[in-house]
Amino acid sequence: MGIVDDLKLQYKSGGIAMQLIFWNIGLAVIYFLIEAFSKTAIAEINYWLLLSSSPSELIFKPWTLLSYAFFHGGLMHLLFNLLILNFSARLFLTFFTQKQFLGLYLLAAIFSGLIFVLTYFFFGNAGVLIGASGAIMAVLVAAATYAPLYQLRLLLIGNVKLWHIAAVFLLLDLIQLPANNMGGHIAHLGGAFFGFLFIKLLKNGTDLSLAVTNTINFFTAILKPKKGTPFKKVHKNPIQPQQKSAGKIVVKNKTQQQIDEILDKISQSGYDSLTKEEKEFLFRAGK
C-alpha cells in the first residue's frame, strides 16, 4: 500500500474533521505556490475569496463569509490552526455527531465573519480576514461549555480541566486586542461566543447544525442527476418456503464482520493502530 493509497484511506475513514484538515492543507499548498510565483494572481484571489471588513464589498461577494476560512496567511498560521482543530474536534466528537461538528464549524465561520465586518462600524477597522481560527475556537469552546470539568493530561503540565484550556485561548485573544489585527481577534472571540451559544441552545432542544444539514441535503437533491426509470416486465416467482433461522439471528458475512472490527479498532485507538494488513484490507473493501 503506497503513501497515496494510505492518504486516501485516512481521508475516507477519518471523518469530517480529517476531511477538513485535508481540504485546508490542499488549498494552502495551492495558495502558497501562487503567492510565491505571482503577486498579481494572489491579489486577485485575495480580492475574490478573502473577507473584507467593508460591508459594501460583502454585498457583492457574500460567499466570502465562508471562503475566507479555507485559506491561511502563512505556514505557521496553518499548522497552529490544524493542530488546534484536530485537538478540538476529537474532544467535540466525544460527545456529539459528525453532522453537528460540521454544522457548528461552518456556522461559526460565518458568524465570526459577520462579527469581523461589524468591526468596520464600531472601530473603523479596514482589512481582510483569513483563516479558520474563529470556527476552531467555536469547536473548542463548545466542547468546554458542554464538559468544562473534563480532565486532560498535558505534557510537562499534568492534569488540567477542559475549561482551563479554553480560558487560556480566550485570554490570549483578549490580551492582543489593542495590538495589530484587532478585527481578527474580535472574530476569534465571536467564534468562541457562537460555540458557547450553540451548546446552550442544544441543551434547550434547538440544534442549529440542522440548518446546515438540511441545506446540504437540499442542494444534493437538486444537483444529483435523476435517472430514468425504464419499464420493466415483472415476472412473479412462486413463493418459496422460508428457511428457518436459528433463533432469527442475522449473521453478517465474514468480510463485513472484519470491516466492523477494524472500524471499531479505529474508533477506540485511532487509524495509526491498524496493522499494514488491516489498512490494505480496509482500502480494498472501500473500493
Protein backbone atom coordinates (compact mmCIF):
# COMPACT_ATOMS: atom_id res chain seq x y z
CA MET A 1 0.00 0.00 0.00
CA GLY A 2 1.57 3.31 -1.12
CA ILE A 3 1.52 6.72 0.53
CA VAL A 4 -1.23 7.98 -1.79
CA ASP A 5 -3.44 4.99 -1.02
CA ASP A 6 -2.76 5.46 2.68
CA LEU A 7 -3.81 9.11 2.48
CA LYS A 8 -6.95 8.18 0.55
CA LEU A 9 -7.90 5.69 3.24
CA GLN A 10 -7.29 8.24 6.01
CA TYR A 11 -9.46 10.75 4.14
CA LYS A 12 -12.30 8.24 3.78
CA SER A 13 -12.17 6.80 7.29
CA GLY A 14 -11.10 9.88 9.29
CA GLY A 15 -14.48 11.61 9.39
CA ILE A 16 -15.42 15.25 8.77
CA ALA A 17 -12.57 16.68 10.86
CA MET A 18 -9.90 14.80 8.89
CA GLN A 19 -11.52 15.81 5.60
CA LEU A 20 -11.49 19.47 6.66
CA ILE A 21 -7.80 19.15 7.55
CA PHE A 22 -7.07 17.65 4.11
CA TRP A 23 -9.00 20.44 2.35
CA ASN A 24 -7.22 23.13 4.36
CA ILE A 25 -3.80 21.64 3.55
CA GLY A 26 -4.61 21.18 -0.15
CA LEU A 27 -5.89 24.73 -0.60
CA ALA A 28 -2.99 26.13 1.43
CA VAL A 29 -0.42 24.43 -0.82
CA ILE A 30 -2.09 25.91 -3.92
CA TYR A 31 -2.38 29.33 -2.26
CA PHE A 32 1.26 29.41 -1.10
CA LEU A 33 2.55 28.35 -4.54
CA ILE A 34 0.55 31.05 -6.31
CA GLU A 35 1.72 33.58 -3.74
CA ALA A 36 5.34 32.63 -4.39
CA PHE A 37 5.18 32.89 -8.18
CA SER A 38 2.56 35.53 -8.99
CA LYS A 39 1.75 38.59 -6.88
CA THR A 40 -0.91 39.67 -9.38
CA ALA A 41 -2.72 36.33 -9.23
CA ILE A 42 -2.64 36.19 -5.43
CA ALA A 43 -4.06 39.71 -5.25
CA GLU A 44 -7.00 38.57 -7.39
CA ILE A 45 -7.56 35.52 -5.20
CA ASN A 46 -7.44 37.67 -2.06
CA TYR A 47 -9.99 40.06 -3.56
CA TRP A 48 -12.46 37.36 -4.57
CA LEU A 49 -12.10 34.82 -1.74
CA LEU A 50 -10.98 36.61 1.44
CA LEU A 51 -13.46 38.52 3.62
CA SER A 52 -13.22 42.28 3.53
CA SER A 53 -14.39 44.31 6.52
CA SER A 54 -16.11 46.67 4.07
CA PRO A 55 -19.88 45.97 4.10
CA SER A 56 -20.22 47.21 0.51
CA GLU A 57 -17.81 44.52 -0.70
CA LEU A 58 -19.62 41.83 1.28
CA ILE A 59 -22.88 42.67 -0.52
CA PHE A 60 -21.30 41.85 -3.88
CA LYS A 61 -19.23 38.89 -2.59
CA PRO A 62 -21.41 37.13 0.03
CA TRP A 63 -19.57 33.81 -0.45
CA THR A 64 -16.50 35.33 1.20
CA LEU A 65 -18.29 34.90 4.56
CA LEU A 66 -17.27 31.25 4.27
CA SER A 67 -14.47 31.02 1.71
CA TYR A 68 -12.04 33.06 3.84
CA ALA A 69 -11.98 30.25 6.43
CA PHE A 70 -10.34 27.80 3.99
CA PHE A 71 -7.19 29.85 3.43
CA HIS A 72 -4.32 30.82 5.73
CA GLY A 73 -1.84 33.64 5.89
CA GLY A 74 1.29 31.53 6.31
CA LEU A 75 2.70 28.11 7.14
CA MET A 76 2.78 28.69 10.92
CA HIS A 77 -0.79 30.04 10.84
CA LEU A 78 -1.88 26.88 9.02
CA LEU A 79 -0.02 24.43 11.28
CA PHE A 80 -1.22 26.04 14.50
CA ASN A 81 -4.84 26.10 13.35
CA LEU A 82 -4.79 22.48 12.18
CA LEU A 83 -3.25 21.26 15.43
CA ILE A 84 -5.95 23.02 17.46
CA LEU A 85 -8.64 21.82 15.02
CA ASN A 86 -7.55 18.19 15.42
CA PHE A 87 -7.41 18.54 19.21
CA SER A 88 -10.78 20.35 19.48
CA ALA A 89 -12.57 18.08 17.00
CA ARG A 90 -11.57 14.93 18.90
CA LEU A 91 -12.99 16.43 22.10
CA PHE A 92 -16.20 17.64 20.48
CA LEU A 93 -16.82 14.33 18.70
CA THR A 94 -16.52 12.54 22.03
CA PHE A 95 -19.93 13.98 22.88
CA PHE A 96 -21.59 14.90 19.56
CA THR A 97 -22.09 13.67 15.99
CA GLN A 98 -20.15 14.34 12.80
CA LYS A 99 -23.07 16.34 11.37
CA GLN A 100 -23.22 18.54 14.47
CA PHE A 101 -19.48 19.15 14.19
CA LEU A 102 -19.72 20.20 10.54
CA GLY A 103 -22.74 22.39 11.25
CA LEU A 104 -21.01 24.14 14.14
CA TYR A 105 -17.79 24.64 12.15
CA LEU A 106 -19.45 26.22 9.10
CA LEU A 107 -21.96 28.34 11.04
CA ALA A 108 -19.22 29.60 13.38
CA ALA A 109 -17.08 30.59 10.39
CA ILE A 110 -19.99 32.65 9.02
CA PHE A 111 -20.78 34.17 12.42
CA SER A 112 -17.12 35.10 13.02
CA GLY A 113 -17.04 36.71 9.59
CA LEU A 114 -20.10 38.81 10.37
CA ILE A 115 -18.53 39.94 13.66
CA PHE A 116 -15.41 40.95 11.73
CA VAL A 117 -17.47 43.07 9.32
CA LEU A 118 -19.20 44.75 12.26
CA THR A 119 -15.81 46.00 13.49
CA TYR A 120 -15.89 48.34 10.48
CA PHE A 121 -18.82 50.22 12.01
CA PHE A 122 -17.61 50.28 15.63
CA PHE A 123 -13.83 50.64 15.25
CA GLY A 124 -13.37 51.75 11.64
CA ASN A 125 -11.40 48.55 11.02
CA ALA A 126 -10.31 48.20 7.40
CA GLY A 127 -8.71 44.97 6.26
CA VAL A 128 -9.35 41.36 5.27
CA LEU A 129 -9.94 38.22 7.32
CA ILE A 130 -8.21 34.94 6.53
CA GLY A 131 -8.09 31.63 8.39
CA ALA A 132 -10.36 29.22 10.27
CA SER A 133 -9.45 30.42 13.77
CA GLY A 134 -12.97 31.63 14.59
CA ALA A 135 -14.56 28.31 13.60
CA ILE A 136 -11.92 26.34 15.51
CA MET A 137 -12.42 28.48 18.63
CA ALA A 138 -16.13 27.71 18.41
CA VAL A 139 -15.47 23.95 18.44
CA LEU A 140 -13.08 24.22 21.41
CA VAL A 141 -15.39 26.45 23.47
CA ALA A 142 -18.43 24.31 22.60
CA ALA A 143 -16.69 21.20 23.99
CA ALA A 144 -15.58 23.16 27.08
CA THR A 145 -19.09 24.51 27.62
CA TYR A 146 -20.61 21.04 27.48
CA ALA A 147 -17.97 19.31 29.64
CA PRO A 148 -15.97 22.01 31.48
CA LEU A 149 -14.60 19.60 34.10
CA TYR A 150 -13.39 17.04 31.55
CA GLN A 151 -9.85 16.03 32.60
CA LEU A 152 -6.92 16.16 30.17
CA ARG A 153 -3.30 15.27 30.76
CA LEU A 154 -0.86 17.62 29.01
CA LEU A 155 2.84 17.01 28.52
CA LEU A 156 5.01 18.91 31.06
CA ILE A 157 1.91 20.39 32.70
CA GLY A 158 -0.07 17.44 34.03
CA ASN A 159 -3.82 17.19 34.57
CA VAL A 160 -5.94 20.18 33.57
CA LYS A 161 -9.64 20.74 33.06
CA LEU A 162 -11.02 21.47 29.62
CA TRP A 163 -12.34 24.88 30.63
CA HIS A 164 -8.80 25.88 31.67
CA ILE A 165 -7.55 25.33 28.10
CA ALA A 166 -10.43 27.27 26.58
CA ALA A 167 -9.89 30.11 29.06
CA VAL A 168 -6.19 30.40 28.09
CA PHE A 169 -7.06 30.82 24.39
CA LEU A 170 -9.74 33.40 25.19
CA LEU A 171 -7.32 35.31 27.41
CA LEU A 172 -4.66 35.37 24.67
CA ASP A 173 -7.14 36.96 22.25
CA LEU A 174 -8.28 39.50 24.84
CA ILE A 175 -4.68 40.50 25.63
CA GLN A 176 -3.89 41.02 21.93
CA LEU A 177 -6.94 43.18 21.17
CA PRO A 178 -5.05 46.50 21.48
CA ALA A 179 -2.25 45.22 19.21
CA ASN A 180 -2.38 44.69 15.47
CA ASN A 181 -5.18 42.67 13.87
CA MET A 182 -7.90 43.79 16.29
CA GLY A 183 -10.58 42.67 13.85
CA GLY A 184 -9.12 39.17 13.65
CA HIS A 185 -9.02 38.74 17.44
CA ILE A 186 -12.58 40.03 17.74
CA ALA A 187 -13.60 37.46 15.11
CA HIS A 188 -11.95 34.73 17.24
CA LEU A 189 -13.94 35.87 20.27
CA GLY A 190 -17.07 35.91 18.12
CA GLY A 191 -16.44 32.28 17.20
CA ALA A 192 -15.96 31.41 20.89
CA PHE A 193 -19.27 33.07 21.74
CA PHE A 194 -21.01 31.14 18.96
CA GLY A 195 -19.65 27.84 20.33
CA PHE A 196 -21.00 28.72 23.78
CA LEU A 197 -24.38 29.71 22.29
CA PHE A 198 -24.54 26.54 20.17
CA ILE A 199 -24.32 24.30 23.25
CA LYS A 200 -26.77 26.37 25.31
CA LEU A 201 -29.36 26.18 22.52
CA LEU A 202 -28.68 22.49 22.02
CA LYS A 203 -29.37 21.80 25.68
CA ASN A 204 -32.70 23.61 25.26
CA GLY A 205 -33.64 21.44 22.30
CA THR A 206 -32.52 23.67 19.39
CA ASP A 207 -29.89 22.10 17.15
CA LEU A 208 -28.50 24.81 14.87
CA SER A 209 -26.50 22.26 12.90
CA LEU A 210 -29.75 21.03 11.32
CA ALA A 211 -29.80 24.21 9.23
CA VAL A 212 -26.53 23.16 7.58
CA THR A 213 -27.60 19.51 7.22
CA ASN A 214 -30.91 20.49 5.60
CA THR A 215 -29.18 22.95 3.26
CA ILE A 216 -26.65 20.33 2.14
CA ASN A 217 -29.43 17.77 1.60
CA PHE A 218 -31.43 20.31 -0.41
CA PHE A 219 -28.60 21.14 -2.82
CA THR A 220 -27.56 17.50 -3.04
CA ALA A 221 -31.08 16.56 -4.14
CA ILE A 222 -31.09 19.34 -6.76
CA LEU A 223 -27.64 18.61 -8.19
CA LYS A 224 -27.97 14.83 -8.13
CA PRO A 225 -28.71 13.60 -11.68
CA LYS A 226 -32.09 11.96 -11.97
CA LYS A 227 -32.04 8.55 -13.61
CA GLY A 228 -34.94 7.50 -15.77
CA THR A 229 -36.99 4.53 -14.72
CA PRO A 230 -37.31 2.25 -17.75
CA PHE A 231 -40.38 -0.01 -17.99
CA LYS A 232 -39.62 -3.50 -16.85
CA LYS A 233 -41.80 -6.55 -17.20
CA VAL A 234 -42.30 -8.13 -13.81
CA HIS A 235 -42.32 -11.89 -13.53
CA LYS A 236 -43.88 -13.22 -10.39
CA ASN A 237 -41.94 -16.10 -8.92
CA PRO A 238 -43.69 -18.79 -6.96
CA ILE A 239 -43.38 -18.34 -3.22
CA GLN A 240 -40.54 -20.40 -1.85
CA PRO A 241 -40.73 -21.82 1.64
CA GLN A 242 -38.61 -19.77 4.06
CA GLN A 243 -35.74 -21.47 5.74
CA LYS A 244 -35.83 -21.50 9.47
CA SER A 245 -33.15 -19.42 11.14
CA ALA A 246 -31.53 -20.31 14.41
CA GLY A 247 -33.30 -18.00 16.82
CA LYS A 248 -33.85 -15.49 13.94
CA ILE A 249 -30.32 -14.13 14.40
CA VAL A 250 -28.93 -12.49 11.28
CA VAL A 251 -25.26 -13.31 10.90
CA LYS A 252 -23.04 -10.87 9.00
CA ASN A 253 -20.83 -12.23 6.26
CA LYS A 254 -17.17 -12.63 7.12
CA THR A 255 -15.98 -9.58 5.13
CA GLN A 256 -18.46 -7.19 6.73
CA GLN A 257 -17.68 -8.55 10.18
CA GLN A 258 -13.97 -7.93 9.63
CA ILE A 259 -14.68 -4.37 8.40
CA ASP A 260 -16.74 -3.65 11.52
CA GLU A 261 -13.97 -4.96 13.76
CA ILE A 262 -11.40 -2.72 12.04
CA LEU A 263 -13.67 0.35 12.28
CA ASP A 264 -14.20 -0.37 15.98
CA LYS A 265 -10.44 -0.51 16.42
CA ILE A 266 -10.08 2.88 14.66
CA SER A 267 -12.73 4.48 16.88
CA GLN A 268 -11.03 3.18 20.04
CA SER A 269 -7.33 3.52 19.25
CA GLY A 270 -7.12 5.64 16.09
CA TYR A 271 -6.16 4.84 12.50
CA ASP A 272 -2.46 4.54 13.30
CA SER A 273 -3.14 1.49 15.49
CA LEU A 274 -4.04 -0.61 12.42
CA THR A 275 -1.57 -3.10 11.04
CA LYS A 276 -0.41 -2.86 7.43
CA GLU A 277 -2.61 -5.84 6.52
CA GLU A 278 -5.69 -4.24 8.11
CA LYS A 279 -5.09 -0.96 6.24
CA GLU A 280 -4.78 -2.80 2.94
CA PHE A 281 -7.91 -4.85 3.63
CA LEU A 282 -9.94 -1.71 4.52
CA PHE A 283 -8.71 0.09 1.41
CA ARG A 284 -9.68 -2.84 -0.84
CA ALA A 285 -13.10 -3.07 0.84
CA GLY A 286 -13.60 0.70 0.40
CA LYS A 287 -13.29 0.28 -3.36
